[in-house]
Amino acid sequence: MAVPKKKQSHSRTAKRRAQHKISAPALNACPRCHSPRRPHRVCPVCGTYAGREVVGPAAHEHEHEPEHEDQ
């Protein structure tokens, strides 16, 4: 196995690691509601995948218990 003969400098190491950045996730438009969604996943807005409804549409209002007041 080949072994480096010289130590690699911090500058050269940083230049190599600069290319290891994360990329933005790919987004496609939902064919039914046209909202952005990840490819090959159920639409979070209308709940459809491959032309059929898989899960119910997401409720936008969150039902929380009323906050407890200090007595």
PDB file of N, CA and C in Angstrom:
ATOM      1  N   MET A   1       0.839  -1.174   0.000  1.00  0.00           N
ATOM      2  CA  MET A   1       0.000   0.000   0.000  1.00  0.00           C
ATOM      3  C   MET A   1       0.888   1.242   0.000  1.00  0.00           C
ATOM      4  N   ALA A   2       0.525   2.220  -0.784  1.00  0.00           N
ATOM      5  CA  ALA A   2       1.317   3.440  -0.889  1.00  0.00           C
ATOM      6  C   ALA A   2       1.157   4.291   0.368  1.00  0.00           C
ATOM      7  N   VAL A   3       2.265   4.876   0.803  1.00  0.00           N
ATOM      8  CA  VAL A   3       2.294   5.724   1.991  1.00  0.00           C
ATOM      9  C   VAL A   3       2.869   7.072   1.572  1.00  0.00           C
ATOM     10  N   PRO A   4       2.236   8.194   2.003  1.00  0.00           N
ATOM     11  CA  PRO A   4       2.768   9.508   1.639  1.00  0.00           C
ATOM     12  C   PRO A   4       4.159   9.715   2.214  1.00  0.00           C
ATOM     13  N   LYS A   5       5.058  10.326   1.414  1.00  0.00           N
ATOM     14  CA  LYS A   5       6.424  10.578   1.871  1.00  0.00           C
ATOM     15  C   LYS A   5       6.524  11.849   2.696  1.00  0.00           C
ATOM     16  N   LYS A   6       5.615  12.806   2.473  1.00  0.00           N
ATOM     17  CA  LYS A   6       5.663  14.079   3.186  1.00  0.00           C
ATOM     18  C   LYS A   6       4.325  14.336   3.876  1.00  0.00           C
ATOM     19  N   LYS A   7       4.402  15.126   4.952  1.00  0.00           N
ATOM     20  CA  LYS A   7       3.196  15.534   5.660  1.00  0.00           C
ATOM     21  C   LYS A   7       2.402  16.502   4.783  1.00  0.00           C
ATOM     22  N   GLN A   8       1.084  16.323   4.748  1.00  0.00           N
ATOM     23  CA  GLN A   8       0.261  17.241   3.982  1.00  0.00           C
ATOM     24  C   GLN A   8      -0.029  18.476   4.831  1.00  0.00           C
ATOM     25  N   SER A   9       0.138  19.644   4.264  1.00  0.00           N
ATOM     26  CA  SER A   9      -0.010  20.892   5.021  1.00  0.00           C
ATOM     27  C   SER A   9      -1.464  21.125   5.423  1.00  0.00           C
ATOM     28  N   HIS A  10      -1.655  21.972   6.434  1.00  0.00           N
ATOM     29  CA  HIS A  10      -3.000  22.315   6.887  1.00  0.00           C
ATOM     30  C   HIS A  10      -3.768  23.029   5.778  1.00  0.00           C
ATOM     31  N   SER A  11      -3.065  23.848   4.997  1.00  0.00           N
ATOM     32  CA  SER A  11      -3.704  24.572   3.900  1.00  0.00           C
ATOM     33  C   SER A  11      -4.247  23.610   2.852  1.00  0.00           C
ATOM     34  N   ARG A  12      -3.438  22.631   2.471  1.00  0.00           N
ATOM     35  CA  ARG A  12      -3.878  21.667   1.466  1.00  0.00           C
ATOM     36  C   ARG A  12      -5.020  20.794   1.997  1.00  0.00           C
ATOM     37  N   THR A  13      -4.962  20.448   3.279  1.00  0.00           N
ATOM     38  CA  THR A  13      -6.034  19.661   3.888  1.00  0.00           C
ATOM     39  C   THR A  13      -7.332  20.456   3.897  1.00  0.00           C
ATOM     40  N   ALA A  14      -7.256  21.737   4.242  1.00  0.00           N
ATOM     41  CA  ALA A  14      -8.444  22.588   4.278  1.00  0.00           C
ATOM     42  C   ALA A  14      -9.027  22.776   2.887  1.00  0.00           C
ATOM     43  N   LYS A  15      -8.165  22.889   1.865  1.00  0.00           N
ATOM     44  CA  LYS A  15      -8.656  23.030   0.491  1.00  0.00           C
ATOM     45  C   LYS A  15      -9.430  21.789   0.059  1.00  0.00           C
ATOM     46  N   ARG A  16      -8.946  20.617   0.452  1.00  0.00           N
ATOM     47  CA  ARG A  16      -9.638  19.381   0.099  1.00  0.00           C
ATOM     48  C   ARG A  16     -10.973  19.290   0.834  1.00  0.00           C
ATOM     49  N   ARG A  17     -10.969  19.626   2.120  1.00  0.00           N
ATOM     50  CA  ARG A  17     -12.192  19.511   2.916  1.00  0.00           C
ATOM     51  C   ARG A  17     -13.229  20.568   2.549  1.00  0.00           C
ATOM     52  N   ALA A  18     -12.829  21.636   1.887  1.00  0.00           N
ATOM     53  CA  ALA A  18     -13.772  22.684   1.498  1.00  0.00           C
ATOM     54  C   ALA A  18     -14.793  22.166   0.488  1.00  0.00           C
ATOM     55  N   GLN A  19     -14.477  21.087  -0.202  1.00  0.00           N
ATOM     56  CA  GLN A  19     -15.386  20.529  -1.195  1.00  0.00           C
ATOM     57  C   GLN A  19     -16.391  19.560  -0.582  1.00  0.00           C
ATOM     58  N   HIS A  20     -16.284  19.288   0.708  1.00  0.00           N
ATOM     59  CA  HIS A  20     -17.161  18.330   1.365  1.00  0.00           C
ATOM     60  C   HIS A  20     -18.406  19.002   1.936  1.00  0.00           C
ATOM     61  N   LYS A  21     -18.877  20.014   1.274  1.00  0.00           N
ATOM     62  CA  LYS A  21     -20.033  20.749   1.771  1.00  0.00           C
ATOM     63  C   LYS A  21     -21.324  19.984   1.470  1.00  0.00           C
ATOM     64  N   ILE A  22     -22.356  20.280   2.232  1.00  0.00           N
ATOM     65  CA  ILE A  22     -23.645  19.639   2.034  1.00  0.00           C
ATOM     66  C   ILE A  22     -24.398  20.379   0.933  1.00  0.00           C
ATOM     67  N   SER A  23     -25.160  19.649   0.151  1.00  0.00           N
ATOM     68  CA  SER A  23     -25.933  20.269  -0.923  1.00  0.00           C
ATOM     69  C   SER A  23     -27.392  20.428  -0.488  1.00  0.00           C
ATOM     70  N   ALA A  24     -28.082  21.335  -1.126  1.00  0.00           N
ATOM     71  CA  ALA A  24     -29.492  21.561  -0.821  1.00  0.00           C
ATOM     72  C   ALA A  24     -30.311  20.354  -1.291  1.00  0.00           C
ATOM     73  N   PRO A  25     -31.352  19.981  -0.541  1.00  0.00           N
ATOM     74  CA  PRO A  25     -32.148  18.828  -0.950  1.00  0.00           C
ATOM     75  C   PRO A  25     -32.924  19.132  -2.229  1.00  0.00           C
ATOM     76  N   ALA A  26     -33.090  18.109  -3.050  1.00  0.00           N
ATOM     77  CA  ALA A  26     -33.837  18.266  -4.298  1.00  0.00           C
ATOM     78  C   ALA A  26     -35.320  18.390  -3.981  1.00  0.00           C
ATOM     79  N   LEU A  27     -36.006  19.297  -4.656  1.00  0.00           N
ATOM     80  CA  LEU A  27     -37.439  19.498  -4.469  1.00  0.00           C
ATOM     81  C   LEU A  27     -38.136  19.428  -5.813  1.00  0.00           C
ATOM     82  N   ASN A  28     -39.266  18.746  -5.850  1.00  0.00           N
ATOM     83  CA  ASN A  28     -40.115  18.684  -7.030  1.00  0.00           C
ATOM     84  C   ASN A  28     -41.477  19.258  -6.656  1.00  0.00           C
ATOM     85  N   ALA A  29     -42.255  19.651  -7.650  1.00  0.00           N
ATOM     86  CA  ALA A  29     -43.606  20.134  -7.403  1.00  0.00           C
ATOM     87  C   ALA A  29     -44.556  18.943  -7.356  1.00  0.00           C
ATOM     88  N   CYS A  30     -45.454  18.965  -6.378  1.00  0.00           N
ATOM     89  CA  CYS A  30     -46.467  17.911  -6.269  1.00  0.00           C
ATOM     90  C   CYS A  30     -47.392  18.010  -7.480  1.00  0.00           C
ATOM     91  N   PRO A  31     -47.680  16.906  -8.172  1.00  0.00           N
ATOM     92  CA  PRO A  31     -48.539  16.991  -9.360  1.00  0.00           C
ATOM     93  C   PRO A  31     -49.978  17.381  -9.040  1.00  0.00           C
ATOM     94  N   ARG A  32     -50.412  17.180  -7.802  1.00  0.00           N
ATOM     95  CA  ARG A  32     -51.793  17.500  -7.459  1.00  0.00           C
ATOM     96  C   ARG A  32     -51.953  18.915  -6.921  1.00  0.00           C
ATOM     97  N   CYS A  33     -51.147  19.283  -5.892  1.00  0.00           N
ATOM     98  CA  CYS A  33     -51.332  20.599  -5.273  1.00  0.00           C
ATOM     99  C   CYS A  33     -50.214  21.577  -5.627  1.00  0.00           C
ATOM    100  N   HIS A  34     -49.200  21.123  -6.352  1.00  0.00           N
ATOM    101  CA  HIS A  34     -48.086  21.950  -6.838  1.00  0.00           C
ATOM    102  C   HIS A  34     -47.247  22.575  -5.719  1.00  0.00           C
ATOM    103  N   SER A  35     -47.302  22.018  -4.530  1.00  0.00           N
ATOM    104  CA  SER A  35     -46.433  22.498  -3.461  1.00  0.00           C
ATOM    105  C   SER A  35     -45.103  21.755  -3.536  1.00  0.00           C
ATOM    106  N   PRO A  36     -44.014  22.340  -3.069  1.00  0.00           N
ATOM    107  CA  PRO A  36     -42.722  21.647  -3.154  1.00  0.00           C
ATOM    108  C   PRO A  36     -42.672  20.449  -2.217  1.00  0.00           C
ATOM    109  N   ARG A  37     -42.096  19.365  -2.702  1.00  0.00           N
ATOM    110  CA  ARG A  37     -41.940  18.158  -1.896  1.00  0.00           C
ATOM    111  C   ARG A  37     -40.699  17.424  -2.341  1.00  0.00           C
ATOM    112  N   ARG A  38     -40.161  16.542  -1.472  1.00  0.00           N
ATOM    113  CA  ARG A  38     -39.005  15.730  -1.820  1.00  0.00           C
ATOM    114  C   ARG A  38     -39.438  14.658  -2.812  1.00  0.00           C
ATOM    115  N   PRO A  39     -38.570  14.296  -3.773  1.00  0.00           N
ATOM    116  CA  PRO A  39     -38.948  13.265  -4.738  1.00  0.00           C
ATOM    117  C   PRO A  39     -39.112  11.897  -4.071  1.00  0.00           C
ATOM    118  N   HIS A  40     -40.039  11.107  -4.565  1.00  0.00           N
ATOM    119  CA  HIS A  40     -40.327   9.744  -4.104  1.00  0.00           C
ATOM    120  C   HIS A  40     -40.814   9.713  -2.658  1.00  0.00           C
ATOM    121  N   ARG A  41     -41.540  10.756  -2.254  1.00  0.00           N
ATOM    122  CA  ARG A  41     -42.101  10.800  -0.912  1.00  0.00           C
ATOM    123  C   ARG A  41     -43.535  11.307  -0.967  1.00  0.00           C
ATOM    124  N   VAL A  42     -44.310  10.980   0.052  1.00  0.00           N
ATOM    125  CA  VAL A  42     -45.691  11.432   0.140  1.00  0.00           C
ATOM    126  C   VAL A  42     -45.700  12.948   0.316  1.00  0.00           C
ATOM    127  N   CYS A  43     -46.598  13.620  -0.376  1.00  0.00           N
ATOM    128  CA  CYS A  43     -46.717  15.077  -0.262  1.00  0.00           C
ATOM    129  C   CYS A  43     -47.195  15.419   1.147  1.00  0.00           C
ATOM    130  N   PRO A  44     -46.479  16.296   1.869  1.00  0.00           N
ATOM    131  CA  PRO A  44     -46.906  16.626   3.231  1.00  0.00           C
ATOM    132  C   PRO A  44     -48.156  17.494   3.285  1.00  0.00           C
ATOM    133  N   VAL A  45     -48.536  18.132   2.166  1.00  0.00           N
ATOM    134  CA  VAL A  45     -49.687  19.030   2.174  1.00  0.00           C
ATOM    135  C   VAL A  45     -50.974  18.277   1.853  1.00  0.00           C
ATOM    136  N   CYS A  46     -50.995  17.551   0.715  1.00  0.00           N
ATOM    137  CA  CYS A  46     -52.235  16.879   0.310  1.00  0.00           C
ATOM    138  C   CYS A  46     -52.239  15.385   0.617  1.00  0.00           C
ATOM    139  N   GLY A  47     -51.097  14.793   0.952  1.00  0.00           N
ATOM    140  CA  GLY A  47     -51.058  13.387   1.354  1.00  0.00           C
ATOM    141  C   GLY A  47     -51.141  12.400   0.219  1.00  0.00           C
ATOM    142  N   THR A  48     -50.764  12.795  -1.001  1.00  0.00           N
ATOM    143  CA  THR A  48     -50.843  11.875  -2.135  1.00  0.00           C
ATOM    144  C   THR A  48     -49.461  11.405  -2.553  1.00  0.00           C
ATOM    145  N   TYR A  49     -49.442  10.222  -3.171  1.00  0.00           N
ATOM    146  CA  TYR A  49     -48.221   9.672  -3.756  1.00  0.00           C
ATOM    147  C   TYR A  49     -48.622   8.799  -4.927  1.00  0.00           C
ATOM    148  N   ALA A  50     -47.978   8.980  -6.053  1.00  0.00           N
ATOM    149  CA  ALA A  50     -48.215   8.207  -7.280  1.00  0.00           C
ATOM    150  C   ALA A  50     -49.682   8.270  -7.703  1.00  0.00           C
ATOM    151  N   GLY A  51     -50.306   9.452  -7.558  1.00  0.00           N
ATOM    152  CA  GLY A  51     -51.656   9.658  -8.056  1.00  0.00           C
ATOM    153  C   GLY A  51     -52.757   9.180  -7.139  1.00  0.00           C
ATOM    154  N   ARG A  52     -52.456   8.661  -5.953  1.00  0.00           N
ATOM    155  CA  ARG A  52     -53.512   8.225  -5.046  1.00  0.00           C
ATOM    156  C   ARG A  52     -53.254   8.781  -3.649  1.00  0.00           C
ATOM    157  N   GLU A  53     -54.333   8.943  -2.879  1.00  0.00           N
ATOM    158  CA  GLU A  53     -54.204   9.485  -1.532  1.00  0.00           C
ATOM    159  C   GLU A  53     -53.731   8.382  -0.596  1.00  0.00           C
ATOM    160  N   VAL A  54     -52.588   8.608   0.021  1.00  0.00           N
ATOM    161  CA  VAL A  54     -51.984   7.609   0.897  1.00  0.00           C
ATOM    162  C   VAL A  54     -52.324   7.903   2.350  1.00  0.00           C
ATOM    163  N   VAL A  55     -52.187   9.149   2.749  1.00  0.00           N
ATOM    164  CA  VAL A  55     -52.536   9.579   4.099  1.00  0.00           C
ATOM    165  C   VAL A  55     -53.444  10.787   3.984  1.00  0.00           C
ATOM    166  N   GLY A  56     -54.151  11.097   5.059  1.00  0.00           N
ATOM    167  CA  GLY A  56     -55.021  12.264   5.060  1.00  0.00           C
ATOM    168  C   GLY A  56     -54.220  13.540   4.998  1.00  0.00           C
ATOM    169  N   PRO A  57     -54.798  14.620   4.478  1.00  0.00           N
ATOM    170  CA  PRO A  57     -54.081  15.893   4.425  1.00  0.00           C
ATOM    171  C   PRO A  57     -53.703  16.357   5.821  1.00  0.00           C
ATOM    172  N   ALA A  58     -52.568  17.036   5.912  1.00  0.00           N
ATOM    173  CA  ALA A  58     -52.072  17.514   7.199  1.00  0.00           C
ATOM    174  C   ALA A  58     -52.917  18.685   7.666  1.00  0.00           C
ATOM    175  N   ALA A  59     -53.256  18.678   8.947  1.00  0.00           N
ATOM    176  CA  ALA A  59     -53.993  19.790   9.537  1.00  0.00           C
ATOM    177  C   ALA A  59     -53.010  20.908   9.841  1.00  0.00           C
ATOM    178  N   HIS A  60     -53.344  22.119   9.449  1.00  0.00           N
ATOM    179  CA  HIS A  60     -52.441  23.245   9.666  1.00  0.00           C
ATOM    180  C   HIS A  60     -52.576  23.815  11.066  1.00  0.00           C
ATOM    181  N   GLU A  61     -53.726  23.594  11.708  1.00  0.00           N
ATOM    182  CA  GLU A  61     -53.917  24.114  13.055  1.00  0.00           C
ATOM    183  C   GLU A  61     -53.537  23.026  14.045  1.00  0.00           C
ATOM    184  N   HIS A  62     -52.712  23.393  14.989  1.00  0.00           N
ATOM    185  CA  HIS A  62     -52.284  22.451  16.013  1.00  0.00           C
ATOM    186  C   HIS A  62     -53.215  22.566  17.207  1.00  0.00           C
ATOM    187  N   GLU A  63     -53.704  21.440  17.671  1.00  0.00           N
ATOM    188  CA  GLU A  63     -54.567  21.443  18.838  1.00  0.00           C
ATOM    189  C   GLU A  63     -53.713  21.153  20.062  1.00  0.00           C
ATOM    190  N   HIS A  64     -53.522  22.161  20.873  1.00  0.00           N
ATOM    191  CA  HIS A  64     -52.754  22.022  22.089  1.00  0.00           C
ATOM    192  C   HIS A  64     -53.688  22.157  23.279  1.00  0.00           C
ATOM    193  N   GLU A  65     -53.273  21.564  24.369  1.00  0.00           N
ATOM    194  CA  GLU A  65     -54.029  21.746  25.600  1.00  0.00           C
ATOM    195  C   GLU A  65     -53.860  23.186  26.051  1.00  0.00           C
ATOM    196  N   PRO A  66     -54.872  23.752  26.680  1.00  0.00           N
ATOM    197  CA  PRO A  66     -54.710  25.145  27.142  1.00  0.00           C
ATOM    198  C   PRO A  66     -53.586  25.213  28.168  1.00  0.00           C
ATOM    199  N   GLU A  67     -52.864  26.309  28.106  1.00  0.00           N
ATOM    200  CA  GLU A  67     -51.744  26.484  29.017  1.00  0.00           C
ATOM    201  C   GLU A  67     -52.251  26.610  30.448  1.00  0.00           C
ATOM    202  N   HIS A  68     -51.526  25.986  31.357  1.00  0.00           N
ATOM    203  CA  HIS A  68     -51.910  25.979  32.757  1.00  0.00           C
ATOM    204  C   HIS A  68     -51.527  27.318  33.392  1.00  0.00           C
ATOM    205  N   GLU A  69     -52.516  27.999  33.969  1.00  0.00           N
ATOM    206  CA  GLU A  69     -52.251  29.275  34.617  1.00  0.00           C
ATOM    207  C   GLU A  69     -51.834  29.052  36.057  1.00  0.00           C
ATOM    208  N   ASP A  70     -50.939  29.896  36.540  1.00  0.00           N
ATOM    209  CA  ASP A  70     -50.515  29.816  37.930  1.00  0.00           C
ATOM    210  C   ASP A  70     -51.652  30.264  38.828  1.00  0.00           C
ATOM    211  N   GLN A  71     -51.906  29.481  39.876  1.00  0.00           N
ATOM    212  CA  GLN A  71     -53.015  29.834  40.782  1.00  0.00           C
ATOM    213  C   GLN A  71     -52.513  30.186  42.136  1.00  0.00           C
TER     214      GLN A  71
END
